[in-house]
ModelCIF file with pLDDT and N, C-alpha, C, O atoms, coordinates in Angstrom:
data_MODEL
#
_entry.id   MODEL 
#
_entity.id                         1 
_entity.type                       polymer 
_entity.pdbx_number_of_molecules   1 
#
_entity_poly.entity_id                      1 
_entity_poly.type                           'polypeptide(L)' 
_entity_poly.nstd_linkage                   no 
_entity_poly.nstd_monomer                   no 
_entity_poly.pdbx_seq_one_letter_code       MEYDGMRHLLGRLPSGEQGPTPAWLPIHASLVP 
_entity_poly.pdbx_seq_one_letter_code_can   MEYDGMRHLLGRLPSGEQGPTPAWLPIHASLVP 
_entity_poly.pdbx_strand_id                 A 
#
loop_
_entity_poly_seq.entity_id 
_entity_poly_seq.num 
_entity_poly_seq.mon_id 
_entity_poly_seq.hetero 
1 1  MET n 
1 2  GLU n 
1 3  TYR n 
1 4  ASP n 
1 5  GLY n 
1 6  MET n 
1 7  ARG n 
1 8  HIS n 
1 9  LEU n 
1 10 LEU n 
1 11 GLY n 
1 12 ARG n 
1 13 LEU n 
1 14 PRO n 
1 15 SER n 
1 16 GLY n 
1 17 GLU n 
1 18 GLN n 
1 19 GLY n 
1 20 PRO n 
1 21 THR n 
1 22 PRO n 
1 23 ALA n 
1 24 TRP n 
1 25 LEU n 
1 26 PRO n 
1 27 ILE n 
1 28 HIS n 
1 29 ALA n 
1 30 SER n 
1 31 LEU n 
1 32 VAL n 
1 33 PRO n 
#
_struct_asym.id          A 
_struct_asym.entity_id   1 
#
loop_
_ma_qa_metric.id 
_ma_qa_metric.mode 
_ma_qa_metric.name 
_ma_qa_metric.software_group_id 
_ma_qa_metric.type 
1 global pLDDT . pLDDT 
2 local  pLDDT . pLDDT 
#
_ma_qa_metric_global.metric_id      1 
_ma_qa_metric_global.metric_value   91.09 
_ma_qa_metric_global.model_id       1 
_ma_qa_metric_global.ordinal_id     1 
#
loop_
_ma_qa_metric_local.label_asym_id 
_ma_qa_metric_local.label_comp_id 
_ma_qa_metric_local.label_seq_id 
_ma_qa_metric_local.metric_id 
_ma_qa_metric_local.metric_value 
_ma_qa_metric_local.model_id 
_ma_qa_metric_local.ordinal_id 
A MET 1  2 97.00 1 1  
A GLU 2  2 96.00 1 2  
A TYR 3  2 96.00 1 3  
A ASP 4  2 96.00 1 4  
A GLY 5  2 96.00 1 5  
A MET 6  2 96.00 1 6  
A ARG 7  2 95.00 1 7  
A HIS 8  2 95.00 1 8  
A LEU 9  2 95.00 1 9  
A LEU 10 2 94.00 1 10 
A GLY 11 2 91.00 1 11 
A ARG 12 2 92.00 1 12 
A LEU 13 2 88.00 1 13 
A PRO 14 2 85.00 1 14 
A SER 15 2 81.00 1 15 
A GLY 16 2 82.00 1 16 
A GLU 17 2 84.00 1 17 
A GLN 18 2 87.00 1 18 
A GLY 19 2 88.00 1 19 
A PRO 20 2 90.00 1 20 
A THR 21 2 92.00 1 21 
A PRO 22 2 92.00 1 22 
A ALA 23 2 91.00 1 23 
A TRP 24 2 91.00 1 24 
A LEU 25 2 90.00 1 25 
A PRO 26 2 89.00 1 26 
A ILE 27 2 90.00 1 27 
A HIS 28 2 90.00 1 28 
A ALA 29 2 89.00 1 29 
A SER 30 2 89.00 1 30 
A LEU 31 2 92.00 1 31 
A VAL 32 2 94.00 1 32 
A PRO 33 2 93.00 1 33 
#
loop_
_atom_site.group_PDB 
_atom_site.id 
_atom_site.type_symbol 
_atom_site.label_atom_id 
_atom_site.label_alt_id 
_atom_site.label_comp_id 
_atom_site.label_asym_id 
_atom_site.label_entity_id 
_atom_site.label_seq_id 
_atom_site.pdbx_PDB_ins_code 
_atom_site.Cartn_x 
_atom_site.Cartn_y 
_atom_site.Cartn_z 
_atom_site.occupancy 
_atom_site.B_iso_or_equiv 
_atom_site.pdbx_formal_charge 
_atom_site.auth_seq_id 
_atom_site.auth_comp_id 
_atom_site.auth_asym_id 
_atom_site.auth_atom_id 
_atom_site.pdbx_PDB_model_num 
ATOM 1   N N  . MET A 1 1  ? -65.435 -15.012 -13.283 1.00 97.00 ? 1  MET A N  1 
ATOM 2   C CA . MET A 1 1  ? -65.030 -13.626 -13.505 1.00 97.00 ? 1  MET A CA 1 
ATOM 3   C C  . MET A 1 1  ? -64.423 -13.469 -14.900 1.00 97.00 ? 1  MET A C  1 
ATOM 4   O O  . MET A 1 1  ? -64.746 -12.530 -15.628 1.00 97.00 ? 1  MET A O  1 
ATOM 5   N N  . GLU A 1 2  ? -63.543 -14.400 -15.259 1.00 96.00 ? 2  GLU A N  1 
ATOM 6   C CA . GLU A 1 2  ? -62.931 -14.339 -16.581 1.00 96.00 ? 2  GLU A CA 1 
ATOM 7   C C  . GLU A 1 2  ? -63.948 -14.590 -17.684 1.00 96.00 ? 2  GLU A C  1 
ATOM 8   O O  . GLU A 1 2  ? -63.941 -13.909 -18.710 1.00 96.00 ? 2  GLU A O  1 
ATOM 9   N N  . TYR A 1 3  ? -64.825 -15.572 -17.471 1.00 96.00 ? 3  TYR A N  1 
ATOM 10  C CA . TYR A 1 3  ? -65.803 -15.870 -18.523 1.00 96.00 ? 3  TYR A CA 1 
ATOM 11  C C  . TYR A 1 3  ? -66.732 -14.693 -18.792 1.00 96.00 ? 3  TYR A C  1 
ATOM 12  O O  . TYR A 1 3  ? -66.946 -14.315 -19.944 1.00 96.00 ? 3  TYR A O  1 
ATOM 13  N N  . ASP A 1 4  ? -67.283 -14.118 -17.729 1.00 96.00 ? 4  ASP A N  1 
ATOM 14  C CA . ASP A 1 4  ? -68.193 -12.980 -17.934 1.00 96.00 ? 4  ASP A CA 1 
ATOM 15  C C  . ASP A 1 4  ? -67.461 -11.778 -18.529 1.00 96.00 ? 4  ASP A C  1 
ATOM 16  O O  . ASP A 1 4  ? -68.014 -11.051 -19.354 1.00 96.00 ? 4  ASP A O  1 
ATOM 17  N N  . GLY A 1 5  ? -66.193 -11.573 -18.095 1.00 96.00 ? 5  GLY A N  1 
ATOM 18  C CA . GLY A 1 5  ? -65.420 -10.475 -18.660 1.00 96.00 ? 5  GLY A CA 1 
ATOM 19  C C  . GLY A 1 5  ? -65.156 -10.657 -20.149 1.00 96.00 ? 5  GLY A C  1 
ATOM 20  O O  . GLY A 1 5  ? -65.268 -9.712  -20.930 1.00 96.00 ? 5  GLY A O  1 
ATOM 21  N N  . MET A 1 6  ? -64.800 -11.901 -20.540 1.00 96.00 ? 6  MET A N  1 
ATOM 22  C CA . MET A 1 6  ? -64.545 -12.172 -21.964 1.00 96.00 ? 6  MET A CA 1 
ATOM 23  C C  . MET A 1 6  ? -65.813 -12.061 -22.798 1.00 96.00 ? 6  MET A C  1 
ATOM 24  O O  . MET A 1 6  ? -65.784 -11.537 -23.911 1.00 96.00 ? 6  MET A O  1 
ATOM 25  N N  . ARG A 1 7  ? -66.936 -12.556 -22.259 1.00 95.00 ? 7  ARG A N  1 
ATOM 26  C CA . ARG A 1 7  ? -68.197 -12.453 -23.002 1.00 95.00 ? 7  ARG A CA 1 
ATOM 27  C C  . ARG A 1 7  ? -68.568 -10.990 -23.207 1.00 95.00 ? 7  ARG A C  1 
ATOM 28  O O  . ARG A 1 7  ? -69.103 -10.620 -24.253 1.00 95.00 ? 7  ARG A O  1 
ATOM 29  N N  . HIS A 1 8  ? -68.281 -10.151 -22.197 1.00 95.00 ? 8  HIS A N  1 
ATOM 30  C CA . HIS A 1 8  ? -68.562 -8.714  -22.331 1.00 95.00 ? 8  HIS A CA 1 
ATOM 31  C C  . HIS A 1 8  ? -67.692 -8.104  -23.446 1.00 95.00 ? 8  HIS A C  1 
ATOM 32  O O  . HIS A 1 8  ? -68.174 -7.331  -24.274 1.00 95.00 ? 8  HIS A O  1 
ATOM 33  N N  . LEU A 1 9  ? -66.398 -8.471  -23.444 1.00 95.00 ? 9  LEU A N  1 
ATOM 34  C CA . LEU A 1 9  ? -65.495 -7.959  -24.465 1.00 95.00 ? 9  LEU A CA 1 
ATOM 35  C C  . LEU A 1 9  ? -65.887 -8.426  -25.860 1.00 95.00 ? 9  LEU A C  1 
ATOM 36  O O  . LEU A 1 9  ? -65.679 -7.709  -26.839 1.00 95.00 ? 9  LEU A O  1 
ATOM 37  N N  . LEU A 1 10 ? -66.450 -9.622  -25.954 1.00 94.00 ? 10 LEU A N  1 
ATOM 38  C CA . LEU A 1 10 ? -66.793 -10.184 -27.260 1.00 94.00 ? 10 LEU A CA 1 
ATOM 39  C C  . LEU A 1 10 ? -68.241 -9.902  -27.654 1.00 94.00 ? 10 LEU A C  1 
ATOM 40  O O  . LEU A 1 10 ? -68.786 -10.562 -28.538 1.00 94.00 ? 10 LEU A O  1 
ATOM 41  N N  . GLY A 1 11 ? -68.861 -8.925  -27.002 1.00 91.00 ? 11 GLY A N  1 
ATOM 42  C CA . GLY A 1 11 ? -70.118 -8.398  -27.525 1.00 91.00 ? 11 GLY A CA 1 
ATOM 43  C C  . GLY A 1 11 ? -71.394 -8.899  -26.903 1.00 91.00 ? 11 GLY A C  1 
ATOM 44  O O  . GLY A 1 11 ? -72.461 -8.717  -27.488 1.00 91.00 ? 11 GLY A O  1 
ATOM 45  N N  . ARG A 1 12 ? -71.334 -9.536  -25.716 1.00 92.00 ? 12 ARG A N  1 
ATOM 46  C CA . ARG A 1 12 ? -72.600 -9.943  -25.129 1.00 92.00 ? 12 ARG A CA 1 
ATOM 47  C C  . ARG A 1 12 ? -73.349 -8.721  -24.625 1.00 92.00 ? 12 ARG A C  1 
ATOM 48  O O  . ARG A 1 12 ? -72.767 -7.842  -23.989 1.00 92.00 ? 12 ARG A O  1 
ATOM 49  N N  . LEU A 1 13 ? -74.648 -8.673  -24.914 1.00 88.00 ? 13 LEU A N  1 
ATOM 50  C CA . LEU A 1 13 ? -75.481 -7.538  -24.545 1.00 88.00 ? 13 LEU A CA 1 
ATOM 51  C C  . LEU A 1 13 ? -75.962 -7.658  -23.106 1.00 88.00 ? 13 LEU A C  1 
ATOM 52  O O  . LEU A 1 13 ? -75.956 -8.757  -22.552 1.00 88.00 ? 13 LEU A O  1 
ATOM 53  N N  . PRO A 1 14 ? -76.377 -6.555  -22.485 1.00 85.00 ? 14 PRO A N  1 
ATOM 54  C CA . PRO A 1 14 ? -76.905 -6.615  -21.103 1.00 85.00 ? 14 PRO A CA 1 
ATOM 55  C C  . PRO A 1 14 ? -78.053 -7.594  -20.945 1.00 85.00 ? 14 PRO A C  1 
ATOM 56  O O  . PRO A 1 14 ? -78.255 -8.126  -19.854 1.00 85.00 ? 14 PRO A O  1 
ATOM 57  N N  . SER A 1 15 ? -78.809 -7.845  -22.002 1.00 81.00 ? 15 SER A N  1 
ATOM 58  C CA . SER A 1 15 ? -79.925 -8.789  -21.953 1.00 81.00 ? 15 SER A CA 1 
ATOM 59  C C  . SER A 1 15 ? -79.444 -10.236 -21.890 1.00 81.00 ? 15 SER A C  1 
ATOM 60  O O  . SER A 1 15 ? -80.237 -11.134 -21.610 1.00 81.00 ? 15 SER A O  1 
ATOM 61  N N  . GLY A 1 16 ? -78.151 -10.476 -22.147 1.00 82.00 ? 16 GLY A N  1 
ATOM 62  C CA . GLY A 1 16 ? -77.604 -11.817 -22.158 1.00 82.00 ? 16 GLY A CA 1 
ATOM 63  C C  . GLY A 1 16 ? -77.448 -12.393 -23.550 1.00 82.00 ? 16 GLY A C  1 
ATOM 64  O O  . GLY A 1 16 ? -76.802 -13.426 -23.727 1.00 82.00 ? 16 GLY A O  1 
ATOM 65  N N  . GLU A 1 17 ? -78.027 -11.745 -24.530 1.00 84.00 ? 17 GLU A N  1 
ATOM 66  C CA . GLU A 1 17 ? -77.916 -12.223 -25.905 1.00 84.00 ? 17 GLU A CA 1 
ATOM 67  C C  . GLU A 1 17 ? -76.575 -11.800 -26.499 1.00 84.00 ? 17 GLU A C  1 
ATOM 68  O O  . GLU A 1 17 ? -75.970 -10.818 -26.069 1.00 84.00 ? 17 GLU A O  1 
ATOM 69  N N  . GLN A 1 18 ? -76.124 -12.563 -27.495 1.00 87.00 ? 18 GLN A N  1 
ATOM 70  C CA . GLN A 1 18 ? -74.847 -12.282 -28.126 1.00 87.00 ? 18 GLN A CA 1 
ATOM 71  C C  . GLN A 1 18 ? -75.011 -11.244 -29.224 1.00 87.00 ? 18 GLN A C  1 
ATOM 72  O O  . GLN A 1 18 ? -75.788 -11.431 -30.160 1.00 87.00 ? 18 GLN A O  1 
ATOM 73  N N  . GLY A 1 19 ? -74.266 -10.143 -29.100 1.00 88.00 ? 19 GLY A N  1 
ATOM 74  C CA . GLY A 1 19 ? -74.288 -9.112  -30.128 1.00 88.00 ? 19 GLY A CA 1 
ATOM 75  C C  . GLY A 1 19 ? -73.150 -9.334  -31.120 1.00 88.00 ? 19 GLY A C  1 
ATOM 76  O O  . GLY A 1 19 ? -72.532 -10.398 -31.115 1.00 88.00 ? 19 GLY A O  1 
ATOM 77  N N  . PRO A 1 20 ? -72.864 -8.359  -31.962 1.00 90.00 ? 20 PRO A N  1 
ATOM 78  C CA . PRO A 1 20 ? -71.776 -8.476  -32.925 1.00 90.00 ? 20 PRO A CA 1 
ATOM 79  C C  . PRO A 1 20 ? -70.414 -8.601  -32.211 1.00 90.00 ? 20 PRO A C  1 
ATOM 80  O O  . PRO A 1 20 ? -70.174 -7.929  -31.207 1.00 90.00 ? 20 PRO A O  1 
ATOM 81  N N  . THR A 1 21 ? -69.555 -9.438  -32.720 1.00 92.00 ? 21 THR A N  1 
ATOM 82  C CA . THR A 1 21 ? -68.214 -9.581  -32.136 1.00 92.00 ? 21 THR A CA 1 
ATOM 83  C C  . THR A 1 21 ? -67.351 -8.400  -32.565 1.00 92.00 ? 21 THR A C  1 
ATOM 84  O O  . THR A 1 21 ? -67.595 -7.813  -33.619 1.00 92.00 ? 21 THR A O  1 
ATOM 85  N N  . PRO A 1 22 ? -66.348 -8.040  -31.769 1.00 92.00 ? 22 PRO A N  1 
ATOM 86  C CA . PRO A 1 22 ? -65.499 -6.883  -32.115 1.00 92.00 ? 22 PRO A CA 1 
ATOM 87  C C  . PRO A 1 22 ? -64.641 -7.142  -33.326 1.00 92.00 ? 22 PRO A C  1 
ATOM 88  O O  . PRO A 1 22 ? -64.421 -8.286  -33.724 1.00 92.00 ? 22 PRO A O  1 
ATOM 89  N N  . ALA A 1 23 ? -64.160 -6.054  -33.906 1.00 91.00 ? 23 ALA A N  1 
ATOM 90  C CA . ALA A 1 23 ? -63.367 -6.133  -35.140 1.00 91.00 ? 23 ALA A CA 1 
ATOM 91  C C  . ALA A 1 23 ? -62.051 -6.855  -34.915 1.00 91.00 ? 23 ALA A C  1 
ATOM 92  O O  . ALA A 1 23 ? -61.506 -7.451  -35.844 1.00 91.00 ? 23 ALA A O  1 
ATOM 93  N N  . TRP A 1 24 ? -61.518 -6.809  -33.661 1.00 91.00 ? 24 TRP A N  1 
ATOM 94  C CA . TRP A 1 24 ? -60.207 -7.429  -33.430 1.00 91.00 ? 24 TRP A CA 1 
ATOM 95  C C  . TRP A 1 24 ? -60.314 -8.958  -33.276 1.00 91.00 ? 24 TRP A C  1 
ATOM 96  O O  . TRP A 1 24 ? -59.294 -9.645  -33.233 1.00 91.00 ? 24 TRP A O  1 
ATOM 97  N N  . LEU A 1 25 ? -61.551 -9.493  -33.193 1.00 90.00 ? 25 LEU A N  1 
ATOM 98  C CA . LEU A 1 25 ? -61.706 -10.937 -33.157 1.00 90.00 ? 25 LEU A CA 1 
ATOM 99  C C  . LEU A 1 25 ? -63.013 -11.287 -33.888 1.00 90.00 ? 25 LEU A C  1 
ATOM 100 O O  . LEU A 1 25 ? -64.019 -11.611 -33.256 1.00 90.00 ? 25 LEU A O  1 
ATOM 101 N N  . PRO A 1 26 ? -62.982 -11.217 -35.207 1.00 89.00 ? 26 PRO A N  1 
ATOM 102 C CA . PRO A 1 26 ? -64.201 -11.413 -35.989 1.00 89.00 ? 26 PRO A CA 1 
ATOM 103 C C  . PRO A 1 26 ? -64.553 -12.892 -36.160 1.00 89.00 ? 26 PRO A C  1 
ATOM 104 O O  . PRO A 1 26 ? -64.405 -13.443 -37.251 1.00 89.00 ? 26 PRO A O  1 
ATOM 105 N N  . ILE A 1 27 ? -65.014 -13.530 -35.096 1.00 90.00 ? 27 ILE A N  1 
ATOM 106 C CA . ILE A 1 27 ? -65.405 -14.925 -35.184 1.00 90.00 ? 27 ILE A CA 1 
ATOM 107 C C  . ILE A 1 27 ? -66.923 -15.036 -35.205 1.00 90.00 ? 27 ILE A C  1 
ATOM 108 O O  . ILE A 1 27 ? -67.635 -14.103 -34.833 1.00 90.00 ? 27 ILE A O  1 
ATOM 109 N N  . HIS A 1 28 ? -67.404 -16.189 -35.643 1.00 90.00 ? 28 HIS A N  1 
ATOM 110 C CA . HIS A 1 28 ? -68.851 -16.397 -35.698 1.00 90.00 ? 28 HIS A CA 1 
ATOM 111 C C  . HIS A 1 28 ? -69.417 -16.402 -34.268 1.00 90.00 ? 28 HIS A C  1 
ATOM 112 O O  . HIS A 1 28 ? -68.773 -16.880 -33.335 1.00 90.00 ? 28 HIS A O  1 
ATOM 113 N N  . ALA A 1 29 ? -70.614 -15.870 -34.122 1.00 89.00 ? 29 ALA A N  1 
ATOM 114 C CA . ALA A 1 29 ? -71.219 -15.763 -32.794 1.00 89.00 ? 29 ALA A CA 1 
ATOM 115 C C  . ALA A 1 29 ? -71.362 -17.106 -32.099 1.00 89.00 ? 29 ALA A C  1 
ATOM 116 O O  . ALA A 1 29 ? -71.301 -17.172 -30.872 1.00 89.00 ? 29 ALA A O  1 
ATOM 117 N N  . SER A 1 30 ? -71.550 -18.174 -32.858 1.00 89.00 ? 30 SER A N  1 
ATOM 118 C CA . SER A 1 30 ? -71.719 -19.504 -32.252 1.00 89.00 ? 30 SER A CA 1 
ATOM 119 C C  . SER A 1 30 ? -70.438 -20.023 -31.596 1.00 89.00 ? 30 SER A C  1 
ATOM 120 O O  . SER A 1 30 ? -70.489 -20.909 -30.743 1.00 89.00 ? 30 SER A O  1 
ATOM 121 N N  . LEU A 1 31 ? -69.281 -19.463 -31.999 1.00 92.00 ? 31 LEU A N  1 
ATOM 122 C CA . LEU A 1 31 ? -68.012 -19.895 -31.429 1.00 92.00 ? 31 LEU A CA 1 
ATOM 123 C C  . LEU A 1 31 ? -67.629 -19.136 -30.161 1.00 92.00 ? 31 LEU A C  1 
ATOM 124 O O  . LEU A 1 31 ? -66.697 -19.529 -29.459 1.00 92.00 ? 31 LEU A O  1 
ATOM 125 N N  . VAL A 1 32 ? -68.334 -18.065 -29.869 1.00 94.00 ? 32 VAL A N  1 
ATOM 126 C CA . VAL A 1 32 ? -67.978 -17.228 -28.716 1.00 94.00 ? 32 VAL A CA 1 
ATOM 127 C C  . VAL A 1 32 ? -68.014 -18.016 -27.409 1.00 94.00 ? 32 VAL A C  1 
ATOM 128 O O  . VAL A 1 32 ? -67.059 -17.926 -26.638 1.00 94.00 ? 32 VAL A O  1 
ATOM 129 N N  . PRO A 1 33 ? -69.078 -18.792 -27.116 1.00 93.00 ? 33 PRO A N  1 
ATOM 130 C CA . PRO A 1 33 ? -69.084 -19.552 -25.849 1.00 93.00 ? 33 PRO A CA 1 
ATOM 131 C C  . PRO A 1 33 ? -67.906 -20.513 -25.732 1.00 93.00 ? 33 PRO A C  1 
ATOM 132 O O  . PRO A 1 33 ? -67.780 -21.215 -24.728 1.00 93.00 ? 33 PRO A O  1 
#
């Protein structure tokens, strides 16, 4: 529950691909997982 919620907040798209990260946590997409 926490993992999916965090991935949603950090820009994961409905397709499952990683989108742009939000401005409040501008980290590289590869670090999101």
